């Protein structure tokens, strides 16, 4: 594997062959001042661990990543056009994840106003954390996997496949698309407000929910 500890220094990695390890194949360590750019055109066999890379990381993968991807904190950008066999975690801050192939694990975007687009297949759960997030699911999140948009004011746009969307706190907008979708709303008593005055006045956040040609609210708990 490869371990790079650059401090404040930015660096670029271009892989046109194979990076391999039984554990962490590529480890990145750097400060908030460093900007790291990684391009994978062939295969990385093992994990990518940038949990100690605090700056902005940009990862473009046109080949195989046989492991998990942890980009750590910072304004990260990940475009995946190849198979990822493990989980994807972009850390906190404002992140972007664009998927054009298959992710076999879970996808987690932490706190921050994140943007995610899925154009093919995600086999695990999708979780967007605190922040005003937008998830456009033009592809498919398989089976019983859940999509959780997290707290704050989020936007979800679904497509022709089945979406299982879990509602969270905030003034959210859900366009479920044309699949036979499942929308799971939060329980009324658990709905949070922006302030104590709103709570005492009985003010709750109201979501906007739009269905498509074959959409049904197959499971709905509470009123939101």
C-alpha atoms as a PDB file:
ATOM      1  CA  UNK A   1       0.000   0.000   0.000  1.00  0.00           C
ATOM      2  CA  UNK A   2       0.825   3.698  -0.034  1.00  0.00           C
ATOM      3  CA  UNK A   3       0.884   6.091   2.943  1.00  0.00           C
ATOM      4  CA  UNK A   4       1.290   9.816   2.299  1.00  0.00           C
ATOM      5  CA  UNK A   5       1.759  12.310   5.140  1.00  0.00           C
ATOM      6  CA  UNK A   6       1.963  15.745   3.589  1.00  0.00           C
ATOM      7  CA  UNK A   7       1.129  18.273   6.326  1.00  0.00           C
ATOM      8  CA  UNK A   8       0.195  21.533   4.577  1.00  0.00           C
ATOM      9  CA  UNK A   9       1.449  20.278   1.210  1.00  0.00           C
ATOM     10  CA  UNK A  10      -1.082  19.442  -1.513  1.00  0.00           C
ATOM     11  CA  UNK A  11      -0.445  16.412  -3.669  1.00  0.00           C
ATOM     12  CA  UNK A  12      -1.772  14.489  -6.675  1.00  0.00           C
ATOM     13  CA  UNK A  13      -1.929  10.707  -7.135  1.00  0.00           C
ATOM     14  CA  UNK A  14      -2.592   9.152 -10.551  1.00  0.00           C
ATOM     15  CA  UNK A  15      -2.995   5.385 -10.570  1.00  0.00           C
ATOM     16  CA  UNK A  16      -2.834   3.638 -13.936  1.00  0.00           C
ATOM     17  CA  UNK A  17      -1.888   0.222 -12.536  1.00  0.00           C
ATOM     18  CA  UNK A  18      -2.585  -1.470  -9.222  1.00  0.00           C
ATOM     19  CA  UNK A  19      -2.312  -0.363  -5.601  1.00  0.00           C
ATOM     20  CA  UNK A  20      -2.742  -3.358  -3.320  1.00  0.00           C
ATOM     21  CA  UNK A  21      -2.810  -4.148   0.391  1.00  0.00           C
ATOM     22  CA  UNK A  22      -4.561  -6.659   2.617  1.00  0.00           C
ATOM     23  CA  UNK A  23      -5.786  -3.700   4.695  1.00  0.00           C
ATOM     24  CA  UNK A  24      -5.381  -0.023   3.834  1.00  0.00           C
ATOM     25  CA  UNK A  25      -4.141   0.329   0.274  1.00  0.00           C
ATOM     26  CA  UNK A  26      -4.008   4.133   0.259  1.00  0.00           C
ATOM     27  CA  UNK A  27      -3.724   6.278   3.403  1.00  0.00           C
ATOM     28  CA  UNK A  28      -3.741  10.079   3.246  1.00  0.00           C
ATOM     29  CA  UNK A  29      -2.742  12.392   6.109  1.00  0.00           C
ATOM     30  CA  UNK A  30      -2.801  16.174   5.790  1.00  0.00           C
ATOM     31  CA  UNK A  31      -3.922  19.486   7.296  1.00  0.00           C
ATOM     32  CA  UNK A  32      -6.902  21.675   6.427  1.00  0.00           C
ATOM     33  CA  UNK A  33      -4.616  23.700   4.134  1.00  0.00           C
ATOM     34  CA  UNK A  34      -3.838  20.775   1.826  1.00  0.00           C
ATOM     35  CA  UNK A  35      -5.855  19.869  -1.276  1.00  0.00           C
ATOM     36  CA  UNK A  36      -5.470  16.287  -2.434  1.00  0.00           C
ATOM     37  CA  UNK A  37      -6.399  14.924  -5.868  1.00  0.00           C
ATOM     38  CA  UNK A  38      -6.562  11.187  -6.552  1.00  0.00           C
ATOM     39  CA  UNK A  39      -7.394   9.577  -9.901  1.00  0.00           C
ATOM     40  CA  UNK A  40      -7.824   5.800 -10.133  1.00  0.00           C
ATOM     41  CA  UNK A  41      -7.943   4.481 -13.695  1.00  0.00           C
ATOM     42  CA  UNK A  42      -7.285   0.811 -12.914  1.00  0.00           C
ATOM     43  CA  UNK A  43      -7.667  -0.824  -9.508  1.00  0.00           C
ATOM     44  CA  UNK A  44      -7.090  -0.226  -5.842  1.00  0.00           C
ATOM     45  CA  UNK A  45      -7.246  -3.500  -3.917  1.00  0.00           C
ATOM     46  CA  UNK A  46      -7.814  -2.525  -0.300  1.00  0.00           C
ATOM     47  CA  UNK A  47      -9.239   0.438   1.582  1.00  0.00           C
ATOM     48  CA  UNK A  48      -8.803   4.165   0.966  1.00  0.00           C
ATOM     49  CA  UNK A  49      -8.433   5.877   4.344  1.00  0.00           C
ATOM     50  CA  UNK A  50      -8.262   9.665   4.385  1.00  0.00           C
ATOM     51  CA  UNK A  51      -9.816  10.040   7.848  1.00  0.00           C
ATOM     52  CA  UNK A  52      -6.735  12.038   8.921  1.00  0.00           C
ATOM     53  CA  UNK A  53      -6.817  14.216   5.814  1.00  0.00           C
ATOM     54  CA  UNK A  54      -8.584  17.389   6.972  1.00  0.00           C
ATOM     55  CA  UNK A  55      -8.475  19.367   3.728  1.00  0.00           C
ATOM     56  CA  UNK A  56     -10.469  19.097   0.521  1.00  0.00           C
ATOM     57  CA  UNK A  57     -10.001  15.718  -1.163  1.00  0.00           C
ATOM     58  CA  UNK A  58     -11.041  15.006  -4.747  1.00  0.00           C
ATOM     59  CA  UNK A  59     -11.278  11.342  -5.738  1.00  0.00           C
ATOM     60  CA  UNK A  60     -12.134  10.244  -9.265  1.00  0.00           C
ATOM     61  CA  UNK A  61     -12.353   6.491  -9.791  1.00  0.00           C
ATOM     62  CA  UNK A  62     -12.768   5.048 -13.276  1.00  0.00           C
ATOM     63  CA  UNK A  63     -11.748   1.572 -12.148  1.00  0.00           C
ATOM     64  CA  UNK A  64     -12.143  -0.813  -9.221  1.00  0.00           C
ATOM     65  CA  UNK A  65     -11.925   0.065  -5.531  1.00  0.00           C
ATOM     66  CA  UNK A  66     -12.034  -3.260  -3.699  1.00  0.00           C
ATOM     67  CA  UNK A  67     -12.558  -1.912  -0.180  1.00  0.00           C
ATOM     68  CA  UNK A  68     -14.094   1.014   1.646  1.00  0.00           C
ATOM     69  CA  UNK A  69     -13.607   4.734   0.982  1.00  0.00           C
ATOM     70  CA  UNK A  70     -13.271   7.122   3.968  1.00  0.00           C
ATOM     71  CA  UNK A  71     -12.506  10.660   2.820  1.00  0.00           C
ATOM     72  CA  UNK A  72     -12.473  12.257   6.277  1.00  0.00           C
ATOM     73  CA  UNK A  73     -13.452  15.840   7.067  1.00  0.00           C
ATOM     74  CA  UNK A  74     -13.184  18.678   4.579  1.00  0.00           C
ATOM     75  CA  UNK A  75     -15.078  19.706   1.459  1.00  0.00           C
ATOM     76  CA  UNK A  76     -14.659  16.422  -0.401  1.00  0.00           C
ATOM     77  CA  UNK A  77     -15.650  15.439  -3.940  1.00  0.00           C
ATOM     78  CA  UNK A  78     -15.986  11.829  -5.091  1.00  0.00           C
ATOM     79  CA  UNK A  79     -17.004  10.770  -8.582  1.00  0.00           C
ATOM     80  CA  UNK A  80     -17.235   6.994  -9.001  1.00  0.00           C
ATOM     81  CA  UNK A  81     -17.466   5.393 -12.441  1.00  0.00           C
ATOM     82  CA  UNK A  82     -16.178   2.015 -11.280  1.00  0.00           C
ATOM     83  CA  UNK A  83     -17.188  -0.628  -8.751  1.00  0.00           C
ATOM     84  CA  UNK A  84     -16.758   0.093  -5.038  1.00  0.00           C
ATOM     85  CA  UNK A  85     -17.091  -3.079  -2.953  1.00  0.00           C
ATOM     86  CA  UNK A  86     -17.203  -1.446   0.493  1.00  0.00           C
ATOM     87  CA  UNK A  87     -18.750   1.507   2.305  1.00  0.00           C
ATOM     88  CA  UNK A  88     -18.350   5.147   1.282  1.00  0.00           C
ATOM     89  CA  UNK A  89     -18.002   7.867   3.958  1.00  0.00           C
ATOM     90  CA  UNK A  90     -17.321  11.453   2.892  1.00  0.00           C
ATOM     91  CA  UNK A  91     -17.013  12.903   6.414  1.00  0.00           C
ATOM     92  CA  UNK A  92     -18.390  16.233   7.582  1.00  0.00           C
ATOM     93  CA  UNK A  93     -18.364  19.605   5.729  1.00  0.00           C
ATOM     94  CA  UNK A  94     -19.843  20.260   2.283  1.00  0.00           C
ATOM     95  CA  UNK A  95     -19.361  17.114   0.205  1.00  0.00           C
ATOM     96  CA  UNK A  96     -20.361  15.910  -3.264  1.00  0.00           C
ATOM     97  CA  UNK A  97     -20.747  12.268  -4.291  1.00  0.00           C
ATOM     98  CA  UNK A  98     -21.639  11.283  -7.868  1.00  0.00           C
ATOM     99  CA  UNK A  99     -22.115   7.559  -8.512  1.00  0.00           C
ATOM    100  CA  UNK A 100     -22.238   6.097 -12.030  1.00  0.00           C
ATOM    101  CA  UNK A 101     -21.588   2.448 -11.207  1.00  0.00           C
ATOM    102  CA  UNK A 102     -22.156   0.095  -8.255  1.00  0.00           C
ATOM    103  CA  UNK A 103     -21.506   0.673  -4.556  1.00  0.00           C
ATOM    104  CA  UNK A 104     -21.970  -2.584  -2.660  1.00  0.00           C
ATOM    105  CA  UNK A 105     -21.808  -1.038   0.820  1.00  0.00           C
ATOM    106  CA  UNK A 106     -23.453   1.804   2.734  1.00  0.00           C
ATOM    107  CA  UNK A 107     -23.039   5.463   1.768  1.00  0.00           C
ATOM    108  CA  UNK A 108     -22.727   8.129   4.483  1.00  0.00           C
ATOM    109  CA  UNK A 109     -22.410  11.862   3.924  1.00  0.00           C
ATOM    110  CA  UNK A 110     -21.839  13.610   7.251  1.00  0.00           C
ATOM    111  CA  UNK A 111     -22.764  17.058   8.553  1.00  0.00           C
ATOM    112  CA  UNK A 112     -22.803  19.796   5.912  1.00  0.00           C
ATOM    113  CA  UNK A 113     -24.879  20.873   2.921  1.00  0.00           C
ATOM    114  CA  UNK A 114     -24.135  17.813   0.820  1.00  0.00           C
ATOM    115  CA  UNK A 115     -25.014  16.936  -2.783  1.00  0.00           C
ATOM    116  CA  UNK A 116     -25.394  13.354  -3.950  1.00  0.00           C
ATOM    117  CA  UNK A 117     -26.471  11.856  -7.269  1.00  0.00           C
ATOM    118  CA  UNK A 118     -26.883   8.135  -7.878  1.00  0.00           C
ATOM    119  CA  UNK A 119     -27.101   7.152 -11.546  1.00  0.00           C
ATOM    120  CA  UNK A 120     -26.832   3.368 -11.174  1.00  0.00           C
ATOM    121  CA  UNK A 121     -26.853   1.095  -8.095  1.00  0.00           C
ATOM    122  CA  UNK A 122     -26.249   1.344  -4.359  1.00  0.00           C
ATOM    123  CA  UNK A 123     -26.754  -1.894  -2.431  1.00  0.00           C
ATOM    124  CA  UNK A 124     -26.564  -0.500   1.121  1.00  0.00           C
ATOM    125  CA  UNK A 125     -28.212   2.260   3.145  1.00  0.00           C
ATOM    126  CA  UNK A 126     -27.799   5.922   2.201  1.00  0.00           C
ATOM    127  CA  UNK A 127     -27.492   8.415   5.077  1.00  0.00           C
ATOM    128  CA  UNK A 128     -27.113  12.165   4.686  1.00  0.00           C
ATOM    129  CA  UNK A 129     -26.428  13.890   7.997  1.00  0.00           C
ATOM    130  CA  UNK A 130     -27.195  17.301   9.436  1.00  0.00           C
ATOM    131  CA  UNK A 131     -27.376  20.038   6.793  1.00  0.00           C
ATOM    132  CA  UNK A 132     -29.463  21.147   3.845  1.00  0.00           C
ATOM    133  CA  UNK A 133     -28.792  18.158   1.613  1.00  0.00           C
ATOM    134  CA  UNK A 134     -29.937  17.203  -1.894  1.00  0.00           C
ATOM    135  CA  UNK A 135     -30.084  13.614  -3.141  1.00  0.00           C
ATOM    136  CA  UNK A 136     -31.079  12.862  -6.732  1.00  0.00           C
ATOM    137  CA  UNK A 137     -31.649   9.133  -7.141  1.00  0.00           C
ATOM    138  CA  UNK A 138     -31.860   8.481 -10.869  1.00  0.00           C
ATOM    139  CA  UNK A 139     -30.655   4.932 -10.253  1.00  0.00           C
ATOM    140  CA  UNK A 140     -31.551   2.291  -7.686  1.00  0.00           C
ATOM    141  CA  UNK A 141     -31.010   1.742  -3.969  1.00  0.00           C
ATOM    142  CA  UNK A 142     -31.575  -2.002  -3.697  1.00  0.00           C
ATOM    143  CA  UNK A 143     -33.839  -4.188  -1.612  1.00  0.00           C
ATOM    144  CA  UNK A 144     -34.731  -3.076   1.889  1.00  0.00           C
ATOM    145  CA  UNK A 145     -31.974  -0.452   2.064  1.00  0.00           C
ATOM    146  CA  UNK A 146     -33.112   2.856   3.534  1.00  0.00           C
ATOM    147  CA  UNK A 147     -32.525   6.431   2.419  1.00  0.00           C
ATOM    148  CA  UNK A 148     -32.257   8.833   5.368  1.00  0.00           C
ATOM    149  CA  UNK A 149     -31.932  12.522   4.489  1.00  0.00           C
ATOM    150  CA  UNK A 150     -30.942  13.611   8.011  1.00  0.00           C
ATOM    151  CA  UNK A 151     -31.946  16.765   9.887  1.00  0.00           C
ATOM    152  CA  UNK A 152     -32.482  20.246   8.377  1.00  0.00           C
ATOM    153  CA  UNK A 153     -34.131  21.256   5.105  1.00  0.00           C
ATOM    154  CA  UNK A 154     -33.452  18.554   2.531  1.00  0.00           C
ATOM    155  CA  UNK A 155     -34.466  17.810  -1.066  1.00  0.00           C
ATOM    156  CA  UNK A 156     -34.972  14.288  -2.395  1.00  0.00           C
ATOM    157  CA  UNK A 157     -35.693  13.528  -6.062  1.00  0.00           C
ATOM    158  CA  UNK A 158     -36.454   9.911  -6.943  1.00  0.00           C
ATOM    159  CA  UNK A 159     -36.654   8.075 -10.246  1.00  0.00           C
ATOM    160  CA  UNK A 160     -38.362   5.043 -11.745  1.00  0.00           C
ATOM    161  CA  UNK A 161     -37.144   2.524  -9.152  1.00  0.00           C
ATOM    162  CA  UNK A 162     -38.363   1.761  -5.634  1.00  0.00           C
ATOM    163  CA  UNK A 163     -37.254   4.312  -3.018  1.00  0.00           C
ATOM    164  CA  UNK A 164     -37.539   3.642   0.719  1.00  0.00           C
ATOM    165  CA  UNK A 165     -37.195   7.104   2.231  1.00  0.00           C
ATOM    166  CA  UNK A 166     -36.983   7.755   5.975  1.00  0.00           C
ATOM    167  CA  UNK A 167     -38.132  11.234   7.000  1.00  0.00           C
ATOM    168  CA  UNK A 168     -36.116  13.297   9.490  1.00  0.00           C
ATOM    169  CA  UNK A 169     -36.457  16.734  11.105  1.00  0.00           C
ATOM    170  CA  UNK A 170     -36.647  19.821   8.895  1.00  0.00           C
ATOM    171  CA  UNK A 171     -38.770  21.387   6.177  1.00  0.00           C
ATOM    172  CA  UNK A 172     -38.073  18.768   3.542  1.00  0.00           C
ATOM    173  CA  UNK A 173     -39.140  18.271  -0.069  1.00  0.00           C
ATOM    174  CA  UNK A 174     -39.665  14.727  -1.386  1.00  0.00           C
ATOM    175  CA  UNK A 175     -40.345  13.998  -5.062  1.00  0.00           C
ATOM    176  CA  UNK A 176     -40.600  10.220  -4.952  1.00  0.00           C
ATOM    177  CA  UNK A 177     -40.694   9.581  -8.699  1.00  0.00           C
ATOM    178  CA  UNK A 178     -42.424   6.762 -10.560  1.00  0.00           C
ATOM    179  CA  UNK A 179     -41.453   3.698  -8.543  1.00  0.00           C
ATOM    180  CA  UNK A 180     -43.641   1.961  -5.962  1.00  0.00           C
ATOM    181  CA  UNK A 181     -42.085   3.906  -3.118  1.00  0.00           C
ATOM    182  CA  UNK A 182     -42.205   3.759   0.670  1.00  0.00           C
ATOM    183  CA  UNK A 183     -42.182   6.985   2.691  1.00  0.00           C
ATOM    184  CA  UNK A 184     -41.674   6.619   6.444  1.00  0.00           C
ATOM    185  CA  UNK A 185     -42.567   9.841   8.247  1.00  0.00           C
ATOM    186  CA  UNK A 186     -41.352  10.728  11.727  1.00  0.00           C
ATOM    187  CA  UNK A 187     -43.728  10.338  14.653  1.00  0.00           C
ATOM    188  CA  UNK A 188     -45.539  13.592  15.438  1.00  0.00           C
ATOM    189  CA  UNK A 189     -44.335  13.699  19.034  1.00  0.00           C
ATOM    190  CA  UNK A 190     -40.731  13.439  17.876  1.00  0.00           C
ATOM    191  CA  UNK A 191     -40.845  16.298  15.375  1.00  0.00           C
ATOM    192  CA  UNK A 192     -38.417  19.026  16.376  1.00  0.00           C
ATOM    193  CA  UNK A 193     -38.737  22.769  15.860  1.00  0.00           C
ATOM    194  CA  UNK A 194     -36.234  25.550  15.395  1.00  0.00           C
ATOM    195  CA  UNK A 195     -36.804  27.145  18.792  1.00  0.00           C
ATOM    196  CA  UNK A 196     -38.452  26.757  22.184  1.00  0.00           C
ATOM    197  CA  UNK A 197     -41.020  29.405  21.191  1.00  0.00           C
ATOM    198  CA  UNK A 198     -42.038  27.340  18.158  1.00  0.00           C
ATOM    199  CA  UNK A 199     -42.360  24.257  20.314  1.00  0.00           C
ATOM    200  CA  UNK A 200     -44.525  26.005  22.927  1.00  0.00           C
ATOM    201  CA  UNK A 201     -46.733  27.400  20.160  1.00  0.00           C
ATOM    202  CA  UNK A 202     -47.213  23.961  18.649  1.00  0.00           C
ATOM    203  CA  UNK A 203     -45.375  24.866  15.423  1.00  0.00           C
ATOM    204  CA  UNK A 204     -44.012  21.899  13.481  1.00  0.00           C
ATOM    205  CA  UNK A 205     -42.048  21.597  10.277  1.00  0.00           C
ATOM    206  CA  UNK A 206     -44.151  20.671   7.253  1.00  0.00           C
ATOM    207  CA  UNK A 207     -42.753  18.493   4.467  1.00  0.00           C
ATOM    208  CA  UNK A 208     -43.750  18.587   0.812  1.00  0.00           C
ATOM    209  CA  UNK A 209     -44.306  15.120  -0.669  1.00  0.00           C
ATOM    210  CA  UNK A 210     -44.957  14.430  -4.337  1.00  0.00           C
ATOM    211  CA  UNK A 211     -45.535  11.018  -5.881  1.00  0.00           C
ATOM    212  CA  UNK A 212     -45.216   9.744  -9.441  1.00  0.00           C
ATOM    213  CA  UNK A 213     -47.215   7.445 -11.681  1.00  0.00           C
ATOM    214  CA  UNK A 214     -46.786   4.301  -9.547  1.00  0.00           C
ATOM    215  CA  UNK A 215     -45.996   5.852  -6.177  1.00  0.00           C
ATOM    216  CA  UNK A 216     -47.766   4.854  -2.979  1.00  0.00           C
ATOM    217  CA  UNK A 217     -47.095   5.969   0.595  1.00  0.00           C
ATOM    218  CA  UNK A 218     -46.921   2.305   1.582  1.00  0.00           C
ATOM    219  CA  UNK A 219     -45.733   2.999   5.096  1.00  0.00           C
ATOM    220  CA  UNK A 220     -46.372   6.272   6.859  1.00  0.00           C
ATOM    221  CA  UNK A 221     -45.978   6.851  10.571  1.00  0.00           C
ATOM    222  CA  UNK A 222     -47.141  10.080  12.182  1.00  0.00           C
ATOM    223  CA  UNK A 223     -48.068  13.390  10.601  1.00  0.00           C
ATOM    224  CA  UNK A 224     -45.477  15.735   9.136  1.00  0.00           C
END
